[in-house]
């Protein structure tokens, strides 16, 4: 067993990932060890290990390695959808041909919970997590802090805490739009 395999096994044991009564029983711990075993046998140097991990993490998380082009080949042919991008499933095409990225903004409450939806900016405008895009487009999600306020029983509104975070995010999507 390599040093990496020994290290991984010990850390996973300490964290309880091999317990039969834990989350997913011991399946996650064993799945991670399978990946560690393959990775260890590949004999990477520091640089190739880092590159391999970066690429693997992206493709395993269905993230594109290059900017999305918006070409016809990149869209679903499903008649029930106007269009969903095959390289990035969180990009959709509208009936008018415009496109939006539903993971553009992620709102984060004081308790650290992130979610998608909408929040109110300093001017009282509702800002959506989904933002319009143009191609080529590199998917990026911005975290925007919000303050939650209960307006009535079980009814909450969320207000942008730091307008600069929002402006930075919207500037990214505006820049992408202006590049076309």
N, C-alpha and C. Protein backbone atom coordinates (compact mmCIF):
# COMPACT_ATOMS: atom_id res chain seq x y z
N UNK A 1 0.86 -1.18 0.00
CA UNK A 1 0.00 0.00 0.00
C UNK A 1 0.90 1.24 0.00
N UNK A 2 0.61 2.18 -0.90
CA UNK A 2 1.41 3.40 -1.00
C UNK A 2 1.14 4.32 0.20
N UNK A 3 1.98 5.32 0.37
CA UNK A 3 1.79 6.29 1.45
C UNK A 3 0.46 7.03 1.28
N UNK A 4 0.13 7.33 0.01
CA UNK A 4 -1.15 8.01 -0.26
C UNK A 4 -2.32 7.12 0.16
N UNK A 5 -2.26 5.84 -0.20
CA UNK A 5 -3.35 4.93 0.16
C UNK A 5 -3.47 4.78 1.68
N UNK A 6 -2.33 4.68 2.35
CA UNK A 6 -2.34 4.59 3.82
C UNK A 6 -2.95 5.84 4.43
N UNK A 7 -2.50 7.00 3.94
CA UNK A 7 -3.00 8.27 4.45
C UNK A 7 -4.52 8.38 4.23
N UNK A 8 -4.95 8.11 3.01
CA UNK A 8 -6.38 8.22 2.68
C UNK A 8 -7.23 7.30 3.55
N UNK A 9 -6.77 6.06 3.71
CA UNK A 9 -7.52 5.08 4.51
C UNK A 9 -7.66 5.56 5.96
N UNK A 10 -6.56 6.05 6.52
CA UNK A 10 -6.59 6.51 7.91
C UNK A 10 -7.53 7.71 8.07
N UNK A 11 -7.44 8.68 7.15
CA UNK A 11 -8.30 9.86 7.22
C UNK A 11 -9.77 9.49 7.07
N UNK A 12 -10.07 8.61 6.14
CA UNK A 12 -11.46 8.18 5.93
C UNK A 12 -11.98 7.41 7.14
N UNK A 13 -11.12 6.59 7.75
CA UNK A 13 -11.52 5.88 8.97
C UNK A 13 -11.82 6.86 10.09
N UNK A 14 -10.92 7.84 10.30
CA UNK A 14 -11.12 8.84 11.35
C UNK A 14 -12.42 9.62 11.15
N UNK A 15 -12.75 9.88 9.91
CA UNK A 15 -13.96 10.64 9.60
C UNK A 15 -15.22 9.77 9.60
N UNK A 16 -15.06 8.47 9.79
CA UNK A 16 -16.21 7.57 9.89
C UNK A 16 -16.79 7.11 8.57
N UNK A 17 -16.05 7.20 7.48
CA UNK A 17 -16.58 6.84 6.18
C UNK A 17 -16.59 5.34 5.90
N UNK A 18 -16.09 4.53 6.83
CA UNK A 18 -16.15 3.08 6.65
C UNK A 18 -17.14 2.42 7.61
N UNK A 19 -17.87 3.23 8.36
CA UNK A 19 -18.84 2.69 9.31
C UNK A 19 -20.05 2.15 8.56
N UNK A 20 -20.48 0.95 8.92
CA UNK A 20 -21.66 0.34 8.29
C UNK A 20 -22.94 1.08 8.64
N UNK A 21 -22.94 1.81 9.76
CA UNK A 21 -24.15 2.53 10.16
C UNK A 21 -24.07 4.02 9.82
N UNK A 22 -23.06 4.43 9.05
CA UNK A 22 -22.89 5.82 8.67
C UNK A 22 -23.67 6.17 7.42
N UNK A 23 -23.48 7.39 6.96
CA UNK A 23 -24.14 7.84 5.74
C UNK A 23 -23.64 7.00 4.57
N UNK A 24 -24.56 6.42 3.82
CA UNK A 24 -24.26 5.52 2.70
C UNK A 24 -23.47 4.30 3.16
N UNK A 25 -23.63 3.96 4.43
CA UNK A 25 -22.87 2.86 5.03
C UNK A 25 -21.39 3.08 4.74
N UNK A 26 -20.69 2.10 4.16
CA UNK A 26 -19.26 2.29 3.88
C UNK A 26 -18.99 2.51 2.40
N UNK A 27 -20.05 2.73 1.61
CA UNK A 27 -19.91 2.83 0.16
C UNK A 27 -19.04 4.02 -0.28
N UNK A 28 -19.22 5.17 0.36
CA UNK A 28 -18.44 6.35 -0.03
C UNK A 28 -16.97 6.15 0.30
N UNK A 29 -16.67 5.66 1.48
CA UNK A 29 -15.27 5.39 1.85
C UNK A 29 -14.61 4.44 0.87
N UNK A 30 -15.32 3.38 0.51
CA UNK A 30 -14.77 2.40 -0.44
C UNK A 30 -14.62 3.00 -1.84
N UNK A 31 -15.57 3.83 -2.25
CA UNK A 31 -15.49 4.47 -3.57
C UNK A 31 -14.28 5.41 -3.63
N UNK A 32 -14.07 6.17 -2.58
CA UNK A 32 -12.91 7.07 -2.54
C UNK A 32 -11.62 6.26 -2.56
N UNK A 33 -11.58 5.18 -1.81
CA UNK A 33 -10.37 4.34 -1.80
C UNK A 33 -10.12 3.73 -3.17
N UNK A 34 -11.15 3.35 -3.91
CA UNK A 34 -10.97 2.85 -5.27
C UNK A 34 -10.28 3.90 -6.14
N UNK A 35 -10.75 5.15 -6.04
CA UNK A 35 -10.14 6.24 -6.81
C UNK A 35 -8.70 6.48 -6.37
N UNK A 36 -8.46 6.47 -5.07
CA UNK A 36 -7.10 6.67 -4.54
C UNK A 36 -6.18 5.56 -5.03
N UNK A 37 -6.67 4.33 -5.05
CA UNK A 37 -5.85 3.20 -5.51
C UNK A 37 -5.44 3.39 -6.97
N UNK A 38 -6.38 3.75 -7.83
CA UNK A 38 -6.06 3.98 -9.24
C UNK A 38 -5.09 5.14 -9.37
N UNK A 39 -5.37 6.24 -8.69
CA UNK A 39 -4.53 7.44 -8.75
C UNK A 39 -3.10 7.11 -8.28
N UNK A 40 -3.01 6.35 -7.21
CA UNK A 40 -1.70 5.99 -6.65
C UNK A 40 -0.89 5.14 -7.64
N UNK A 41 -1.55 4.21 -8.31
CA UNK A 41 -0.87 3.32 -9.27
C UNK A 41 -0.38 4.07 -10.52
N UNK A 42 -0.94 5.24 -10.79
CA UNK A 42 -0.54 6.00 -11.97
C UNK A 42 0.84 6.65 -11.83
N UNK A 43 1.35 6.75 -10.62
CA UNK A 43 2.71 7.23 -10.40
C UNK A 43 2.94 8.68 -10.79
N UNK A 44 2.06 9.55 -10.44
CA UNK A 44 2.17 10.97 -10.82
C UNK A 44 3.29 11.69 -10.08
N UNK A 45 3.84 12.70 -10.76
CA UNK A 45 4.72 13.66 -10.10
C UNK A 45 3.81 14.72 -9.48
N UNK A 46 4.40 15.67 -8.79
CA UNK A 46 3.59 16.74 -8.19
C UNK A 46 2.78 17.51 -9.22
N UNK A 47 3.39 17.84 -10.36
CA UNK A 47 2.68 18.62 -11.36
C UNK A 47 1.61 17.81 -12.07
N UNK A 48 1.94 16.59 -12.50
CA UNK A 48 0.93 15.79 -13.21
C UNK A 48 -0.20 15.39 -12.27
N UNK A 49 0.10 15.20 -10.99
CA UNK A 49 -0.95 14.87 -10.02
C UNK A 49 -1.93 16.03 -9.91
N UNK A 50 -1.40 17.23 -9.80
CA UNK A 50 -2.25 18.41 -9.67
C UNK A 50 -3.11 18.60 -10.92
N UNK A 51 -2.52 18.48 -12.11
CA UNK A 51 -3.28 18.62 -13.35
C UNK A 51 -4.35 17.54 -13.47
N UNK A 52 -3.99 16.31 -13.15
CA UNK A 52 -4.94 15.20 -13.22
C UNK A 52 -6.13 15.45 -12.29
N UNK A 53 -5.85 15.87 -11.05
CA UNK A 53 -6.93 16.14 -10.10
C UNK A 53 -7.82 17.28 -10.56
N UNK A 54 -7.22 18.35 -11.08
CA UNK A 54 -8.02 19.48 -11.56
C UNK A 54 -8.95 19.07 -12.70
N UNK A 55 -8.39 18.37 -13.68
CA UNK A 55 -9.20 17.93 -14.82
C UNK A 55 -10.27 16.93 -14.39
N UNK A 56 -9.88 15.97 -13.55
CA UNK A 56 -10.85 14.97 -13.09
C UNK A 56 -11.99 15.64 -12.34
N UNK A 57 -11.68 16.55 -11.42
CA UNK A 57 -12.72 17.22 -10.64
C UNK A 57 -13.70 17.95 -11.55
N UNK A 58 -13.20 18.60 -12.58
CA UNK A 58 -14.09 19.33 -13.50
C UNK A 58 -14.98 18.37 -14.28
N UNK A 59 -14.39 17.39 -14.94
CA UNK A 59 -15.22 16.52 -15.78
C UNK A 59 -16.14 15.63 -14.93
N UNK A 60 -15.70 15.22 -13.74
CA UNK A 60 -16.56 14.41 -12.87
C UNK A 60 -17.73 15.23 -12.34
N UNK A 61 -17.57 16.55 -12.32
CA UNK A 61 -18.65 17.45 -11.86
C UNK A 61 -19.42 18.05 -13.05
N UNK A 62 -19.22 17.46 -14.25
CA UNK A 62 -19.88 17.92 -15.47
C UNK A 62 -19.61 19.39 -15.76
N UNK A 63 -18.38 19.84 -15.52
CA UNK A 63 -17.98 21.21 -15.85
C UNK A 63 -17.18 21.19 -17.13
N UNK A 64 -17.46 22.12 -18.04
CA UNK A 64 -16.71 22.16 -19.30
C UNK A 64 -15.27 22.62 -19.08
N UNK A 65 -14.38 22.10 -19.91
CA UNK A 65 -12.97 22.49 -19.82
C UNK A 65 -12.66 23.74 -20.65
N UNK A 66 -13.49 24.01 -21.65
CA UNK A 66 -13.32 25.17 -22.53
C UNK A 66 -14.62 25.97 -22.53
N UNK A 67 -14.56 27.24 -22.95
CA UNK A 67 -15.79 28.04 -23.01
C UNK A 67 -16.87 27.39 -23.87
N UNK A 68 -18.11 27.58 -23.46
CA UNK A 68 -19.27 27.11 -24.21
C UNK A 68 -19.42 28.02 -25.43
N UNK A 69 -19.61 27.42 -26.60
CA UNK A 69 -19.69 28.19 -27.84
C UNK A 69 -21.12 28.50 -28.27
N UNK A 70 -22.08 27.70 -27.83
CA UNK A 70 -23.47 27.92 -28.20
C UNK A 70 -23.81 27.44 -29.61
N UNK A 71 -22.96 26.60 -30.18
CA UNK A 71 -23.21 26.08 -31.53
C UNK A 71 -24.39 25.11 -31.50
N UNK A 72 -24.98 24.86 -32.66
CA UNK A 72 -26.16 23.99 -32.76
C UNK A 72 -25.91 22.61 -32.15
N UNK A 73 -24.69 22.08 -32.30
CA UNK A 73 -24.38 20.74 -31.78
C UNK A 73 -24.42 20.68 -30.25
N UNK A 74 -24.36 21.83 -29.59
CA UNK A 74 -24.32 21.85 -28.13
C UNK A 74 -25.70 21.82 -27.46
N UNK A 75 -26.77 21.79 -28.24
CA UNK A 75 -28.11 21.89 -27.64
C UNK A 75 -28.88 20.58 -27.77
N UNK A 76 -29.74 20.34 -26.78
CA UNK A 76 -30.61 19.16 -26.82
C UNK A 76 -31.55 19.29 -28.00
N UNK A 77 -32.02 18.15 -28.43
CA UNK A 77 -33.01 18.13 -29.52
C UNK A 77 -34.38 17.73 -28.97
N UNK A 78 -34.55 17.77 -27.67
CA UNK A 78 -35.79 17.38 -26.99
C UNK A 78 -36.89 18.39 -27.32
N UNK A 79 -37.99 17.91 -27.86
CA UNK A 79 -39.10 18.80 -28.24
C UNK A 79 -39.77 19.45 -27.03
N UNK A 80 -39.59 18.87 -25.84
CA UNK A 80 -40.20 19.43 -24.64
C UNK A 80 -39.39 20.59 -24.05
N UNK A 81 -38.18 20.78 -24.54
CA UNK A 81 -37.35 21.88 -24.07
C UNK A 81 -37.10 22.84 -25.22
N UNK A 82 -37.05 24.11 -24.91
CA UNK A 82 -36.65 25.09 -25.92
C UNK A 82 -35.19 24.80 -26.26
N UNK A 83 -34.37 24.60 -25.26
CA UNK A 83 -32.98 24.25 -25.47
C UNK A 83 -32.22 24.18 -24.16
N UNK A 84 -31.50 23.10 -23.98
CA UNK A 84 -30.61 22.95 -22.83
C UNK A 84 -29.26 22.56 -23.39
N UNK A 85 -28.22 23.23 -22.89
CA UNK A 85 -26.89 23.00 -23.41
C UNK A 85 -26.37 21.64 -22.96
N UNK A 86 -25.80 20.90 -23.89
CA UNK A 86 -25.29 19.56 -23.59
C UNK A 86 -23.95 19.59 -22.86
N UNK A 87 -23.19 20.65 -23.02
CA UNK A 87 -21.89 20.75 -22.34
C UNK A 87 -22.02 21.36 -20.96
N UNK A 88 -23.06 22.13 -20.72
CA UNK A 88 -23.30 22.75 -19.41
C UNK A 88 -24.80 22.78 -19.20
N UNK A 89 -25.30 21.82 -18.43
CA UNK A 89 -26.75 21.61 -18.30
C UNK A 89 -27.47 22.75 -17.59
N UNK A 90 -26.75 23.72 -17.04
CA UNK A 90 -27.41 24.85 -16.39
C UNK A 90 -27.51 26.07 -17.31
N UNK A 91 -27.28 25.85 -18.60
CA UNK A 91 -27.48 26.90 -19.61
C UNK A 91 -28.69 26.51 -20.45
N UNK A 92 -29.63 27.46 -20.58
CA UNK A 92 -30.85 27.22 -21.33
C UNK A 92 -31.04 28.28 -22.40
N UNK A 93 -31.67 27.87 -23.49
CA UNK A 93 -32.01 28.78 -24.59
C UNK A 93 -33.49 29.09 -24.50
N UNK A 94 -33.83 30.36 -24.63
CA UNK A 94 -35.22 30.80 -24.60
C UNK A 94 -35.82 30.76 -26.01
N UNK A 95 -37.13 30.89 -26.11
CA UNK A 95 -37.81 30.86 -27.41
C UNK A 95 -37.29 31.92 -28.36
N UNK A 96 -36.88 33.08 -27.81
CA UNK A 96 -36.39 34.17 -28.66
C UNK A 96 -34.92 33.99 -29.05
N UNK A 97 -34.31 32.89 -28.62
CA UNK A 97 -32.91 32.62 -28.96
C UNK A 97 -31.91 33.11 -27.93
N UNK A 98 -32.35 33.95 -27.00
CA UNK A 98 -31.44 34.40 -25.93
C UNK A 98 -31.18 33.23 -24.99
N UNK A 99 -30.09 33.31 -24.25
CA UNK A 99 -29.71 32.21 -23.36
C UNK A 99 -29.46 32.73 -21.96
N UNK A 100 -29.67 31.85 -20.98
CA UNK A 100 -29.40 32.22 -19.60
C UNK A 100 -28.73 31.07 -18.85
N UNK A 101 -27.95 31.47 -17.85
CA UNK A 101 -27.20 30.55 -17.00
C UNK A 101 -27.84 30.57 -15.63
N UNK A 102 -28.46 29.46 -15.22
CA UNK A 102 -29.25 29.46 -13.99
C UNK A 102 -28.41 29.46 -12.71
N UNK A 103 -27.11 29.18 -12.82
CA UNK A 103 -26.23 29.16 -11.64
C UNK A 103 -25.33 30.38 -11.57
N UNK A 104 -25.74 31.48 -12.16
CA UNK A 104 -24.91 32.68 -12.19
C UNK A 104 -24.65 33.22 -10.78
N UNK A 105 -25.71 33.29 -9.97
CA UNK A 105 -25.60 33.81 -8.61
C UNK A 105 -26.08 32.77 -7.62
N UNK A 106 -25.39 32.68 -6.51
CA UNK A 106 -25.82 31.85 -5.40
C UNK A 106 -25.88 32.76 -4.18
N UNK A 107 -27.05 32.87 -3.60
CA UNK A 107 -27.24 33.77 -2.46
C UNK A 107 -26.92 33.03 -1.16
N UNK A 108 -26.16 33.70 -0.28
CA UNK A 108 -25.70 33.08 0.97
C UNK A 108 -26.21 33.87 2.16
N UNK A 109 -26.96 33.19 3.03
CA UNK A 109 -27.54 33.83 4.21
C UNK A 109 -26.50 33.99 5.32
N UNK A 110 -26.90 34.69 6.38
CA UNK A 110 -26.03 34.89 7.54
C UNK A 110 -25.62 33.55 8.17
N UNK A 111 -26.44 32.52 7.98
CA UNK A 111 -26.16 31.20 8.56
C UNK A 111 -25.28 30.35 7.63
N UNK A 112 -24.89 30.92 6.49
CA UNK A 112 -24.01 30.21 5.58
C UNK A 112 -24.71 29.29 4.60
N UNK A 113 -26.03 29.37 4.52
CA UNK A 113 -26.79 28.52 3.61
C UNK A 113 -26.86 29.21 2.25
N UNK A 114 -26.47 28.48 1.20
CA UNK A 114 -26.51 29.02 -0.17
C UNK A 114 -27.71 28.45 -0.91
N UNK A 115 -28.31 29.26 -1.76
CA UNK A 115 -29.47 28.84 -2.52
C UNK A 115 -29.61 29.70 -3.77
N UNK A 116 -30.45 29.27 -4.67
CA UNK A 116 -30.76 30.02 -5.89
C UNK A 116 -32.17 30.55 -5.77
N UNK A 117 -32.44 31.61 -6.47
CA UNK A 117 -33.76 32.22 -6.45
C UNK A 117 -33.63 33.68 -6.78
N UNK A 118 -34.06 34.53 -5.86
CA UNK A 118 -33.90 35.97 -6.09
C UNK A 118 -33.69 36.68 -4.76
N UNK A 119 -33.12 37.87 -4.87
CA UNK A 119 -32.90 38.73 -3.71
C UNK A 119 -33.10 40.16 -4.16
N UNK A 120 -33.28 41.04 -3.20
CA UNK A 120 -33.59 42.43 -3.50
C UNK A 120 -32.33 43.28 -3.33
N UNK A 121 -32.04 44.10 -4.36
CA UNK A 121 -30.85 44.96 -4.29
C UNK A 121 -31.17 46.28 -3.60
N UNK A 122 -30.18 47.16 -3.50
CA UNK A 122 -30.34 48.43 -2.78
C UNK A 122 -31.40 49.34 -3.40
N UNK A 123 -31.72 49.13 -4.68
CA UNK A 123 -32.73 49.95 -5.35
C UNK A 123 -34.12 49.32 -5.31
N UNK A 124 -34.25 48.19 -4.62
CA UNK A 124 -35.54 47.51 -4.53
C UNK A 124 -35.84 46.59 -5.70
N UNK A 125 -34.85 46.35 -6.57
CA UNK A 125 -35.04 45.45 -7.72
C UNK A 125 -34.80 44.01 -7.31
N UNK A 126 -35.64 43.11 -7.83
CA UNK A 126 -35.43 41.69 -7.60
C UNK A 126 -34.35 41.21 -8.56
N UNK A 127 -33.31 40.60 -8.01
CA UNK A 127 -32.20 40.09 -8.80
C UNK A 127 -32.28 38.57 -8.79
N UNK A 128 -32.28 37.98 -9.97
CA UNK A 128 -32.41 36.53 -10.11
C UNK A 128 -31.04 35.84 -10.10
N UNK A 129 -31.02 34.61 -9.64
CA UNK A 129 -29.82 33.78 -9.73
C UNK A 129 -29.45 33.51 -11.18
N UNK A 130 -30.45 33.49 -12.03
CA UNK A 130 -30.27 33.23 -13.45
C UNK A 130 -29.94 34.53 -14.18
N UNK A 131 -28.90 34.50 -15.00
CA UNK A 131 -28.49 35.69 -15.73
C UNK A 131 -28.35 35.38 -17.22
N UNK A 132 -28.68 36.35 -18.05
CA UNK A 132 -28.53 36.19 -19.49
C UNK A 132 -27.06 36.14 -19.87
N UNK A 133 -26.75 35.39 -20.92
CA UNK A 133 -25.37 35.23 -21.36
C UNK A 133 -25.29 35.30 -22.89
N UNK A 134 -24.09 35.50 -23.37
CA UNK A 134 -23.76 35.40 -24.78
C UNK A 134 -22.56 34.47 -24.91
N UNK A 135 -22.29 34.06 -26.11
CA UNK A 135 -21.21 33.10 -26.35
C UNK A 135 -20.05 33.76 -27.08
N UNK A 136 -18.82 33.27 -26.87
CA UNK A 136 -18.47 32.16 -26.00
C UNK A 136 -18.67 32.54 -24.53
N UNK A 137 -18.96 31.54 -23.71
CA UNK A 137 -19.28 31.77 -22.30
C UNK A 137 -18.54 30.77 -21.43
N UNK A 138 -17.90 31.29 -20.39
CA UNK A 138 -17.24 30.45 -19.40
C UNK A 138 -18.09 30.46 -18.13
N UNK A 139 -18.71 29.32 -17.77
CA UNK A 139 -19.57 29.29 -16.59
C UNK A 139 -18.82 29.65 -15.31
N UNK A 140 -19.44 30.50 -14.53
CA UNK A 140 -18.88 30.92 -13.25
C UNK A 140 -20.04 31.28 -12.35
N UNK A 141 -19.98 30.82 -11.10
CA UNK A 141 -21.02 31.13 -10.13
C UNK A 141 -20.44 32.08 -9.08
N UNK A 142 -21.14 33.17 -8.83
CA UNK A 142 -20.73 34.15 -7.83
C UNK A 142 -21.57 33.97 -6.57
N UNK A 143 -20.92 34.00 -5.41
CA UNK A 143 -21.61 33.95 -4.12
C UNK A 143 -21.90 35.39 -3.71
N UNK A 144 -23.17 35.67 -3.40
CA UNK A 144 -23.58 37.01 -2.98
C UNK A 144 -24.24 36.88 -1.61
N UNK A 145 -23.69 37.59 -0.63
CA UNK A 145 -24.24 37.55 0.73
C UNK A 145 -25.56 38.31 0.79
N UNK A 146 -26.52 37.72 1.51
CA UNK A 146 -27.82 38.35 1.69
C UNK A 146 -28.19 38.37 3.17
N UNK A 147 -29.09 39.27 3.50
CA UNK A 147 -29.66 39.35 4.85
C UNK A 147 -31.11 38.89 4.72
N UNK A 148 -31.48 37.92 5.54
CA UNK A 148 -32.85 37.41 5.48
C UNK A 148 -33.72 38.16 6.49
N UNK A 149 -34.92 38.52 6.06
CA UNK A 149 -35.87 39.22 6.93
C UNK A 149 -37.22 38.55 6.80
N UNK A 150 -37.80 38.21 7.95
CA UNK A 150 -39.12 37.61 7.94
C UNK A 150 -40.14 38.73 7.79
N UNK A 151 -40.96 38.66 6.73
CA UNK A 151 -41.97 39.69 6.48
C UNK A 151 -43.34 39.29 7.03
N UNK A 152 -43.56 38.01 7.18
CA UNK A 152 -44.75 37.47 7.83
C UNK A 152 -44.43 36.02 8.19
N UNK A 153 -45.33 35.37 8.90
CA UNK A 153 -45.06 34.00 9.33
C UNK A 153 -44.71 33.12 8.13
N UNK A 154 -43.51 32.50 8.18
CA UNK A 154 -43.00 31.61 7.13
C UNK A 154 -42.84 32.28 5.77
N UNK A 155 -42.77 33.60 5.76
CA UNK A 155 -42.54 34.33 4.51
C UNK A 155 -41.34 35.24 4.70
N UNK A 156 -40.30 35.00 3.90
CA UNK A 156 -39.03 35.71 4.05
C UNK A 156 -38.68 36.47 2.79
N UNK A 157 -37.98 37.58 2.98
CA UNK A 157 -37.39 38.30 1.87
C UNK A 157 -35.89 38.35 2.12
N UNK A 158 -35.15 38.40 1.03
CA UNK A 158 -33.70 38.39 1.13
C UNK A 158 -33.15 39.65 0.46
N UNK A 159 -32.27 40.34 1.18
CA UNK A 159 -31.73 41.61 0.70
C UNK A 159 -30.22 41.47 0.51
N UNK A 160 -29.73 42.01 -0.60
CA UNK A 160 -28.30 41.98 -0.89
C UNK A 160 -27.57 42.71 0.23
N UNK A 161 -26.64 42.04 0.87
CA UNK A 161 -25.88 42.63 1.97
C UNK A 161 -24.77 43.53 1.47
N UNK A 162 -24.05 43.07 0.46
CA UNK A 162 -22.90 43.81 -0.07
C UNK A 162 -23.11 44.08 -1.55
N UNK A 163 -23.51 45.30 -1.87
CA UNK A 163 -23.82 45.66 -3.25
C UNK A 163 -22.60 45.47 -4.17
N UNK A 164 -21.39 45.57 -3.62
CA UNK A 164 -20.17 45.40 -4.42
C UNK A 164 -20.04 43.96 -4.93
N UNK A 165 -20.44 42.99 -4.12
CA UNK A 165 -20.43 41.59 -4.58
C UNK A 165 -21.35 41.43 -5.78
N UNK A 166 -22.53 41.99 -5.67
CA UNK A 166 -23.51 41.90 -6.76
C UNK A 166 -22.99 42.60 -8.01
N UNK A 167 -22.46 43.80 -7.85
CA UNK A 167 -21.95 44.57 -9.00
C UNK A 167 -20.82 43.82 -9.71
N UNK A 168 -19.93 43.20 -8.94
CA UNK A 168 -18.83 42.42 -9.53
C UNK A 168 -19.40 41.26 -10.37
N UNK A 169 -20.38 40.58 -9.83
CA UNK A 169 -21.00 39.45 -10.54
C UNK A 169 -21.70 39.93 -11.80
N UNK A 170 -22.52 40.96 -11.68
CA UNK A 170 -23.27 41.44 -12.84
C UNK A 170 -22.34 42.01 -13.90
N UNK A 171 -21.23 42.57 -13.48
CA UNK A 171 -20.22 43.08 -14.43
C UNK A 171 -19.65 41.93 -15.25
N UNK A 172 -19.43 40.77 -14.62
CA UNK A 172 -18.92 39.61 -15.34
C UNK A 172 -19.89 39.20 -16.45
N UNK A 173 -21.17 39.14 -16.13
CA UNK A 173 -22.15 38.72 -17.12
C UNK A 173 -22.39 39.82 -18.17
N UNK A 174 -22.30 41.07 -17.76
CA UNK A 174 -22.42 42.17 -18.72
C UNK A 174 -21.23 42.15 -19.67
N UNK A 175 -20.02 41.93 -19.14
CA UNK A 175 -18.82 41.85 -19.97
C UNK A 175 -18.96 40.73 -20.99
N UNK A 176 -19.43 39.58 -20.52
CA UNK A 176 -19.64 38.45 -21.43
C UNK A 176 -20.61 38.86 -22.54
N UNK A 177 -21.65 39.63 -22.18
CA UNK A 177 -22.65 40.03 -23.17
C UNK A 177 -22.08 41.01 -24.17
N UNK A 178 -21.19 41.89 -23.70
CA UNK A 178 -20.62 42.92 -24.57
C UNK A 178 -19.58 42.35 -25.52
N UNK A 179 -19.01 41.19 -25.20
CA UNK A 179 -17.97 40.60 -26.03
C UNK A 179 -18.49 40.16 -27.40
N UNK A 180 -19.79 39.95 -27.50
CA UNK A 180 -20.33 39.43 -28.77
C UNK A 180 -20.27 40.45 -29.87
